[in-house]
Structures are given as structure tokens and as C-alpha cells.
Amino acid sequence: MADEKMTYQKAYNELEAIMKDLQSDLISVDDLTVKVKRAVELITFCNTMLRATEGEVSAIVKKLGLG
């Protein structure tokens, strides 16, 4: 996935898949560590994207005099 640009939707979809894997109880301890670390990366990415989008939308609304 290093060749593709990460988007919020891709990160969210991957996070959803990880959650399904974690809920299946079929993950080895080795895989569990890798999946939890990846989930943290994805959550951080999504939170950053949401904060950036919120800031941009707020700036646009302010510019339009709506806020």
C-alpha cells in the first residue's frame, strides 16, 4: 500500500477489516501485535484528516461570513 496515496476512506476500510479480524478470535498473538499497531496508525491518520478538514471547513465558513 506504500505506492498508493492513503485516503480517509482507505484508512477507514482497512481499520474496519482489522476490527473484524480482531473480533473473530482467530488471530495469533504475533498477528495481534501487528494489527493493533496498524490500527493505531490508521486511527491517528483518520483523526488528523478529520481535524484538518474541520479546520478547512471552518475557515471557508468564516470567509463566507456564515460563522
N, C-alpha and C. Protein backbone atom coordinates (compact mmCIF):
# COMPACT_ATOMS: atom_id res chain seq x y z
N MET A 1 0.82 -1.20 0.00
CA MET A 1 0.00 0.00 0.00
C MET A 1 0.86 1.26 0.00
N ALA A 2 2.15 1.09 0.04
CA ALA A 2 3.05 2.23 0.07
C ALA A 2 3.00 3.02 -1.23
N ASP A 3 2.64 2.36 -2.34
CA ASP A 3 2.58 3.03 -3.63
C ASP A 3 1.33 3.89 -3.77
N GLU A 4 0.29 3.57 -3.04
CA GLU A 4 -0.97 4.31 -3.14
C GLU A 4 -1.01 5.43 -2.10
N LYS A 5 -1.69 6.51 -2.47
CA LYS A 5 -1.88 7.60 -1.53
C LYS A 5 -2.99 7.19 -0.57
N MET A 6 -2.70 7.30 0.72
CA MET A 6 -3.69 6.95 1.73
C MET A 6 -4.77 8.02 1.76
N THR A 7 -5.99 7.57 1.78
CA THR A 7 -7.13 8.47 1.92
C THR A 7 -7.87 8.09 3.18
N TYR A 8 -8.76 8.97 3.61
CA TYR A 8 -9.55 8.68 4.80
C TYR A 8 -10.36 7.41 4.58
N GLN A 9 -10.99 7.27 3.42
CA GLN A 9 -11.83 6.12 3.16
C GLN A 9 -11.03 4.82 3.15
N LYS A 10 -9.83 4.84 2.55
CA LYS A 10 -8.99 3.64 2.54
C LYS A 10 -8.58 3.26 3.96
N ALA A 11 -8.20 4.27 4.74
CA ALA A 11 -7.80 4.02 6.13
C ALA A 11 -8.96 3.47 6.93
N TYR A 12 -10.13 4.05 6.75
CA TYR A 12 -11.32 3.61 7.47
C TYR A 12 -11.68 2.17 7.09
N ASN A 13 -11.62 1.85 5.81
CA ASN A 13 -11.92 0.49 5.35
C ASN A 13 -10.93 -0.53 5.92
N GLU A 14 -9.65 -0.16 5.93
CA GLU A 14 -8.64 -1.06 6.48
C GLU A 14 -8.85 -1.24 7.98
N LEU A 15 -9.19 -0.16 8.65
CA LEU A 15 -9.46 -0.22 10.09
C LEU A 15 -10.66 -1.12 10.38
N GLU A 16 -11.68 -1.01 9.56
CA GLU A 16 -12.86 -1.87 9.70
C GLU A 16 -12.49 -3.35 9.53
N ALA A 17 -11.64 -3.65 8.56
CA ALA A 17 -11.20 -5.02 8.32
C ALA A 17 -10.40 -5.54 9.51
N ILE A 18 -9.56 -4.70 10.07
CA ILE A 18 -8.78 -5.10 11.24
C ILE A 18 -9.71 -5.40 12.41
N MET A 19 -10.72 -4.56 12.60
CA MET A 19 -11.67 -4.77 13.69
C MET A 19 -12.40 -6.10 13.52
N LYS A 20 -12.78 -6.44 12.31
CA LYS A 20 -13.45 -7.72 12.06
C LYS A 20 -12.50 -8.87 12.40
N ASP A 21 -11.23 -8.74 12.00
CA ASP A 21 -10.24 -9.77 12.32
C ASP A 21 -10.08 -9.93 13.83
N LEU A 22 -10.02 -8.80 14.53
CA LEU A 22 -9.84 -8.86 15.98
C LEU A 22 -11.05 -9.50 16.67
N GLN A 23 -12.22 -9.27 16.13
CA GLN A 23 -13.44 -9.83 16.71
C GLN A 23 -13.60 -11.32 16.41
N SER A 24 -12.88 -11.82 15.43
CA SER A 24 -13.02 -13.22 15.03
C SER A 24 -12.35 -14.18 16.00
N ASP A 25 -11.46 -13.68 16.84
CA ASP A 25 -10.73 -14.51 17.81
C ASP A 25 -9.86 -15.58 17.15
N LEU A 26 -9.54 -15.42 15.90
CA LEU A 26 -8.71 -16.39 15.19
C LEU A 26 -7.30 -15.87 14.90
N ILE A 27 -6.93 -14.77 15.53
CA ILE A 27 -5.65 -14.12 15.26
C ILE A 27 -4.60 -14.64 16.23
N SER A 28 -3.43 -14.94 15.70
CA SER A 28 -2.33 -15.37 16.57
C SER A 28 -1.80 -14.18 17.35
N VAL A 29 -1.08 -14.45 18.40
CA VAL A 29 -0.51 -13.39 19.22
C VAL A 29 0.42 -12.52 18.39
N ASP A 30 1.19 -13.12 17.51
CA ASP A 30 2.11 -12.36 16.66
C ASP A 30 1.33 -11.41 15.75
N ASP A 31 0.28 -11.90 15.14
CA ASP A 31 -0.53 -11.06 14.25
C ASP A 31 -1.28 -9.99 15.03
N LEU A 32 -1.67 -10.32 16.24
CA LEU A 32 -2.41 -9.37 17.07
C LEU A 32 -1.61 -8.10 17.28
N THR A 33 -0.34 -8.25 17.61
CA THR A 33 0.52 -7.09 17.83
C THR A 33 0.62 -6.23 16.57
N VAL A 34 0.82 -6.87 15.44
CA VAL A 34 0.95 -6.15 14.17
C VAL A 34 -0.36 -5.41 13.84
N LYS A 35 -1.48 -6.09 14.02
CA LYS A 35 -2.77 -5.48 13.68
C LYS A 35 -3.11 -4.32 14.61
N VAL A 36 -2.82 -4.46 15.89
CA VAL A 36 -3.10 -3.38 16.83
C VAL A 36 -2.23 -2.16 16.52
N LYS A 37 -0.96 -2.39 16.20
CA LYS A 37 -0.08 -1.26 15.83
C LYS A 37 -0.59 -0.57 14.57
N ARG A 38 -1.01 -1.35 13.59
CA ARG A 38 -1.53 -0.76 12.35
C ARG A 38 -2.82 0.00 12.63
N ALA A 39 -3.68 -0.55 13.49
CA ALA A 39 -4.92 0.14 13.85
C ALA A 39 -4.63 1.49 14.48
N VAL A 40 -3.64 1.56 15.33
CA VAL A 40 -3.27 2.83 15.96
C VAL A 40 -2.80 3.83 14.90
N GLU A 41 -2.01 3.37 13.94
CA GLU A 41 -1.56 4.24 12.85
C GLU A 41 -2.76 4.78 12.06
N LEU A 42 -3.70 3.90 11.76
CA LEU A 42 -4.87 4.29 10.97
C LEU A 42 -5.77 5.26 11.75
N ILE A 43 -5.96 5.01 13.02
CA ILE A 43 -6.78 5.90 13.85
C ILE A 43 -6.13 7.28 13.92
N THR A 44 -4.84 7.31 14.10
CA THR A 44 -4.11 8.59 14.13
C THR A 44 -4.26 9.33 12.81
N PHE A 45 -4.11 8.61 11.70
CA PHE A 45 -4.27 9.21 10.38
C PHE A 45 -5.67 9.78 10.21
N CYS A 46 -6.69 9.00 10.57
CA CYS A 46 -8.08 9.45 10.42
C CYS A 46 -8.36 10.67 11.29
N ASN A 47 -7.88 10.65 12.52
CA ASN A 47 -8.08 11.81 13.40
C ASN A 47 -7.42 13.06 12.84
N THR A 48 -6.23 12.91 12.30
CA THR A 48 -5.52 14.04 11.70
C THR A 48 -6.30 14.58 10.50
N MET A 49 -6.78 13.67 9.67
CA MET A 49 -7.57 14.09 8.49
C MET A 49 -8.85 14.82 8.92
N LEU A 50 -9.52 14.31 9.93
CA LEU A 50 -10.76 14.94 10.40
C LEU A 50 -10.49 16.33 10.96
N ARG A 51 -9.43 16.47 11.75
CA ARG A 51 -9.09 17.79 12.31
C ARG A 51 -8.73 18.78 11.21
N ALA A 52 -7.98 18.32 10.21
CA ALA A 52 -7.59 19.20 9.10
C ALA A 52 -8.82 19.62 8.31
N THR A 53 -9.71 18.69 8.04
CA THR A 53 -10.93 19.00 7.30
C THR A 53 -11.80 19.96 8.09
N GLU A 54 -11.92 19.74 9.37
CA GLU A 54 -12.71 20.65 10.21
C GLU A 54 -12.15 22.07 10.17
N GLY A 55 -10.82 22.17 10.22
CA GLY A 55 -10.19 23.49 10.14
C GLY A 55 -10.44 24.17 8.81
N GLU A 56 -10.34 23.41 7.74
CA GLU A 56 -10.58 23.97 6.40
C GLU A 56 -12.02 24.42 6.23
N VAL A 57 -12.95 23.60 6.68
CA VAL A 57 -14.37 23.95 6.56
C VAL A 57 -14.68 25.19 7.41
N SER A 58 -14.13 25.25 8.61
CA SER A 58 -14.34 26.41 9.47
C SER A 58 -13.80 27.68 8.83
N ALA A 59 -12.64 27.57 8.19
CA ALA A 59 -12.05 28.74 7.52
C ALA A 59 -12.93 29.19 6.35
N ILE A 60 -13.47 28.23 5.61
CA ILE A 60 -14.35 28.57 4.48
C ILE A 60 -15.63 29.24 4.97
N VAL A 61 -16.21 28.67 6.02
CA VAL A 61 -17.45 29.24 6.57
C VAL A 61 -17.18 30.65 7.09
N LYS A 62 -16.06 30.83 7.76
CA LYS A 62 -15.70 32.16 8.29
C LYS A 62 -15.51 33.15 7.14
N LYS A 63 -14.85 32.69 6.08
CA LYS A 63 -14.60 33.54 4.91
C LYS A 63 -15.91 33.98 4.26
N LEU A 64 -16.88 33.10 4.29
CA LEU A 64 -18.17 33.41 3.71
C LEU A 64 -19.04 34.26 4.65
N GLY A 65 -18.57 34.46 5.86
CA GLY A 65 -19.30 35.24 6.83
C GLY A 65 -20.50 34.50 7.42
N LEU A 66 -20.43 33.18 7.40
CA LEU A 66 -21.54 32.39 7.92
C LEU A 66 -21.31 31.93 9.35
N GLY A 67 -20.12 32.13 9.86
CA GLY A 67 -19.82 31.59 11.18
C GLY A 67 -19.50 32.57 12.23
